[in-house]
């Protein structure tokens, strides 16, 4: 702020700096029924141009991978208000146990669309059924596991285990029982597998999958 001597009035200029990055950001396993889900918590940002926003004050992004595998691309998970300090990711099960990792990035955004990301946090997850199929590195039973991510748009991954070599078919059906995709139809050796299901050509809705081995 300064005084303009020629015109006898004050002038000021405001510099809108980026908001502070979210503090005390952490992830833990939240129990609901018999399952556990990643729960993100953080300290609210007290800056008015963040806290007073009814939406898009905090942005949560997520990426996933198999343990020691290649990370997926970051994807937007949620946009939250300035008074929200926690988020539970119900699309991932068996948090703190499993053969996969989820990484979460939290960003504070002010009314000027300036932003500051936090450090990311990581939690492992998976599915109990999948873990029980392998003992000492040997597949002991057939299994097909919950797809991930779920919900998905437009693609998801389905993992399964085969205990004996033979012909394997894996098909997807809509709610009316109509077959919409054949993902696997070939001989498979004993082992664990993962297949992609891309539903970009299908309408939104609920789909079921079935394996025959």
Protein backbone atom coordinates (compact mmCIF):
# COMPACT_ATOMS: atom_id res chain seq x y z
CA UNK A 1 0.00 0.00 0.00
CA UNK A 2 1.26 3.45 -0.79
CA UNK A 3 0.05 7.08 -1.06
CA UNK A 4 -0.15 8.74 -4.43
CA UNK A 5 1.00 12.30 -3.75
CA UNK A 6 -0.30 13.67 -7.04
CA UNK A 7 -3.88 12.45 -6.66
CA UNK A 8 -4.08 12.44 -2.84
CA UNK A 9 -5.36 8.87 -2.43
CA UNK A 10 -4.00 5.53 -1.36
CA UNK A 11 -3.29 2.66 -3.67
CA UNK A 12 -2.80 -0.94 -2.70
CA UNK A 13 -1.89 -4.18 -4.40
CA UNK A 14 -2.72 -7.61 -3.06
CA UNK A 15 -0.45 -10.58 -3.66
CA UNK A 16 -2.41 -13.81 -3.24
CA UNK A 17 0.15 -16.41 -2.28
CA UNK A 18 -0.57 -20.11 -2.53
CA UNK A 19 -2.23 -21.59 0.57
CA UNK A 20 -0.27 -23.62 3.06
CA UNK A 21 0.00 -27.32 2.30
CA UNK A 22 -2.32 -29.50 4.43
CA UNK A 23 -0.69 -30.34 7.78
CA UNK A 24 -0.75 -33.57 9.80
CA UNK A 25 -1.82 -35.56 6.75
CA UNK A 26 -2.00 -39.31 7.39
CA UNK A 27 -3.69 -42.53 6.30
CA UNK A 28 -4.99 -45.37 8.47
CA UNK A 29 -7.22 -48.44 8.15
CA UNK A 30 -10.87 -47.70 9.01
CA UNK A 31 -13.03 -50.69 9.97
CA UNK A 32 -16.59 -50.97 8.65
CA UNK A 33 -18.21 -54.33 9.25
CA UNK A 34 -15.67 -57.02 8.40
CA UNK A 35 -13.66 -54.89 6.01
CA UNK A 36 -11.06 -52.14 6.35
CA UNK A 37 -10.82 -49.06 4.15
CA UNK A 38 -8.15 -46.34 3.77
CA UNK A 39 -9.06 -43.29 5.87
CA UNK A 40 -7.28 -40.00 5.16
CA UNK A 41 -7.17 -37.28 7.82
CA UNK A 42 -5.58 -33.83 7.94
CA UNK A 43 -5.62 -30.54 9.81
CA UNK A 44 -7.97 -27.91 8.41
CA UNK A 45 -6.39 -24.94 6.68
CA UNK A 46 -7.40 -21.76 8.57
CA UNK A 47 -6.88 -19.41 5.64
CA UNK A 48 -10.33 -17.89 4.84
CA UNK A 49 -9.98 -18.30 1.08
CA UNK A 50 -9.64 -22.05 1.62
CA UNK A 51 -11.82 -22.72 4.66
CA UNK A 52 -14.82 -20.76 3.34
CA UNK A 53 -15.04 -22.68 0.06
CA UNK A 54 -18.05 -24.99 -0.18
CA UNK A 55 -16.30 -27.22 -2.72
CA UNK A 56 -12.92 -27.79 -4.38
CA UNK A 57 -10.98 -26.59 -1.34
CA UNK A 58 -9.21 -29.94 -1.03
CA UNK A 59 -8.43 -32.26 -3.92
CA UNK A 60 -7.57 -35.92 -3.33
CA UNK A 61 -5.78 -37.91 -6.01
CA UNK A 62 -4.85 -41.59 -5.98
CA UNK A 63 -2.63 -44.01 -7.84
CA UNK A 64 -2.15 -47.75 -7.28
CA UNK A 65 0.20 -50.59 -8.07
CA UNK A 66 1.04 -54.18 -7.25
CA UNK A 67 3.80 -54.31 -4.64
CA UNK A 68 7.10 -53.41 -6.34
CA UNK A 69 5.21 -52.89 -9.60
CA UNK A 70 4.64 -49.85 -11.80
CA UNK A 71 2.41 -47.08 -10.49
CA UNK A 72 -0.76 -46.24 -12.38
CA UNK A 73 -1.37 -42.63 -13.42
CA UNK A 74 -2.73 -40.21 -10.82
CA UNK A 75 -6.53 -39.96 -10.95
CA UNK A 76 -8.90 -37.57 -9.20
CA UNK A 77 -10.71 -39.25 -6.31
CA UNK A 78 -12.60 -36.41 -4.60
CA UNK A 79 -13.14 -32.65 -4.38
CA UNK A 80 -14.02 -31.54 -0.84
CA UNK A 81 -15.16 -28.43 1.03
CA UNK A 82 -12.92 -26.26 3.19
CA UNK A 83 -14.48 -27.65 6.38
CA UNK A 84 -13.76 -31.29 5.56
CA UNK A 85 -10.82 -32.90 7.33
CA UNK A 86 -11.27 -36.62 6.58
CA UNK A 87 -12.07 -38.92 3.68
CA UNK A 88 -12.69 -42.69 3.53
CA UNK A 89 -11.93 -44.50 0.27
CA UNK A 90 -14.61 -47.20 0.12
CA UNK A 91 -13.48 -48.34 -3.33
CA UNK A 92 -10.45 -50.13 -1.85
CA UNK A 93 -10.80 -53.06 0.56
CA UNK A 94 -8.61 -54.88 3.07
CA UNK A 95 -6.51 -51.81 3.86
CA UNK A 96 -3.23 -52.54 5.68
CA UNK A 97 -3.13 -56.04 4.25
CA UNK A 98 -2.58 -57.37 0.75
CA UNK A 99 -0.31 -57.35 -2.26
CA UNK A 100 -1.12 -53.86 -3.58
CA UNK A 101 -0.37 -50.27 -2.64
CA UNK A 102 -2.45 -47.11 -2.88
CA UNK A 103 -0.82 -43.69 -2.75
CA UNK A 104 -2.86 -40.57 -1.94
CA UNK A 105 -2.03 -36.95 -2.67
CA UNK A 106 -3.93 -34.10 -0.96
CA UNK A 107 -3.92 -30.54 -2.31
CA UNK A 108 -5.31 -27.33 -0.76
CA UNK A 109 -6.84 -24.88 -3.28
CA UNK A 110 -7.84 -21.27 -2.56
CA UNK A 111 -10.42 -19.06 -4.30
CA UNK A 112 -7.76 -17.83 -6.72
CA UNK A 113 -7.10 -21.45 -7.74
CA UNK A 114 -3.65 -21.30 -6.17
CA UNK A 115 -2.71 -24.66 -4.73
CA UNK A 116 -0.22 -26.45 -2.50
CA UNK A 117 0.06 -30.25 -2.42
CA UNK A 118 0.95 -32.20 0.70
CA UNK A 119 3.43 -35.02 0.91
CA UNK A 120 1.76 -38.20 -0.33
CA UNK A 121 0.84 -41.12 1.95
CA UNK A 122 0.82 -44.83 1.09
CA UNK A 123 -1.12 -47.81 2.43
CA UNK A 124 -1.12 -51.41 1.26
CA UNK A 125 -4.37 -53.24 0.49
CA UNK A 126 -5.70 -56.38 -1.16
CA UNK A 127 -8.20 -59.12 -0.71
CA UNK A 128 -8.26 -61.85 1.95
CA UNK A 129 -9.50 -64.44 -0.51
CA UNK A 130 -6.50 -63.93 -2.77
CA UNK A 131 -4.01 -64.32 0.06
CA UNK A 132 -5.47 -67.68 1.17
CA UNK A 133 -5.07 -69.23 -2.28
CA UNK A 134 -1.26 -69.28 -2.11
CA UNK A 135 0.71 -71.20 0.52
CA UNK A 136 4.51 -71.18 0.39
CA UNK A 137 4.33 -69.92 -3.17
CA UNK A 138 2.05 -72.75 -4.34
CA UNK A 139 -1.51 -72.10 -5.55
CA UNK A 140 -3.80 -74.28 -3.41
CA UNK A 141 -7.24 -73.45 -4.80
CA UNK A 142 -9.13 -71.73 -7.57
CA UNK A 143 -10.22 -68.18 -6.83
CA UNK A 144 -11.47 -65.03 -8.47
CA UNK A 145 -11.13 -61.77 -6.61
CA UNK A 146 -12.92 -58.45 -6.33
CA UNK A 147 -12.07 -56.23 -9.26
CA UNK A 148 -10.14 -53.02 -8.62
CA UNK A 149 -10.75 -50.18 -8.82
CA UNK A 150 -14.44 -50.53 -8.00
CA UNK A 151 -16.39 -48.45 -9.00
CA UNK A 152 -14.44 -47.93 -12.22
CA UNK A 153 -14.49 -45.78 -15.35
CA UNK A 154 -13.78 -47.01 -17.92
CA UNK A 155 -11.49 -49.95 -17.02
CA UNK A 156 -10.78 -52.24 -14.09
CA UNK A 157 -8.57 -55.23 -13.28
CA UNK A 158 -9.68 -58.73 -12.26
CA UNK A 159 -7.24 -61.15 -10.64
CA UNK A 160 -7.67 -64.91 -10.32
CA UNK A 161 -5.76 -68.05 -9.34
CA UNK A 162 -5.57 -71.41 -11.12
CA UNK A 163 -4.46 -74.53 -9.20
CA UNK A 164 -4.41 -76.96 -12.17
CA UNK A 165 -3.41 -76.45 -15.79
CA UNK A 166 -6.36 -76.42 -18.17
CA UNK A 167 -8.85 -74.40 -20.17
CA UNK A 168 -9.96 -71.21 -18.43
CA UNK A 169 -12.82 -68.94 -19.46
CA UNK A 170 -13.63 -65.62 -17.81
CA UNK A 171 -16.74 -63.79 -19.01
CA UNK A 172 -18.59 -60.62 -18.05
CA UNK A 173 -22.39 -60.28 -17.94
CA UNK A 174 -24.84 -57.42 -17.51
CA UNK A 175 -27.67 -57.41 -14.93
CA UNK A 176 -29.96 -59.23 -17.39
CA UNK A 177 -27.49 -62.10 -17.71
CA UNK A 178 -26.40 -61.16 -21.22
CA UNK A 179 -22.76 -61.87 -22.00
CA UNK A 180 -20.96 -58.61 -22.82
CA UNK A 181 -17.30 -59.66 -22.88
CA UNK A 182 -15.01 -62.69 -22.91
CA UNK A 183 -11.78 -61.75 -21.15
CA UNK A 184 -10.08 -65.16 -21.06
CA UNK A 185 -10.66 -68.27 -23.18
CA UNK A 186 -7.47 -70.31 -23.33
CA UNK A 187 -5.33 -72.87 -21.56
CA UNK A 188 -3.59 -71.55 -18.46
CA UNK A 189 -0.80 -73.02 -16.37
CA UNK A 190 -0.97 -73.10 -12.57
CA UNK A 191 -0.52 -69.60 -11.16
CA UNK A 192 -1.96 -66.20 -10.41
CA UNK A 193 -3.24 -63.97 -13.20
CA UNK A 194 -4.68 -60.52 -13.78
CA UNK A 195 -6.77 -59.31 -16.71
CA UNK A 196 -8.09 -55.89 -17.75
CA UNK A 197 -11.77 -55.23 -18.44
CA UNK A 198 -12.36 -52.10 -20.52
CA UNK A 199 -16.03 -51.08 -20.48
CA UNK A 200 -15.66 -47.86 -22.47
CA UNK A 201 -18.04 -49.23 -25.12
CA UNK A 202 -20.68 -50.22 -22.56
CA UNK A 203 -23.29 -48.15 -20.75
CA UNK A 204 -22.89 -47.31 -17.06
CA UNK A 205 -24.30 -49.94 -14.72
CA UNK A 206 -23.57 -53.11 -12.76
CA UNK A 207 -21.73 -56.02 -14.33
CA UNK A 208 -20.91 -59.51 -13.10
CA UNK A 209 -18.03 -61.78 -14.02
CA UNK A 210 -17.70 -65.56 -13.91
CA UNK A 211 -14.74 -67.91 -14.27
CA UNK A 212 -14.86 -71.53 -15.38
CA UNK A 213 -11.72 -73.65 -14.99
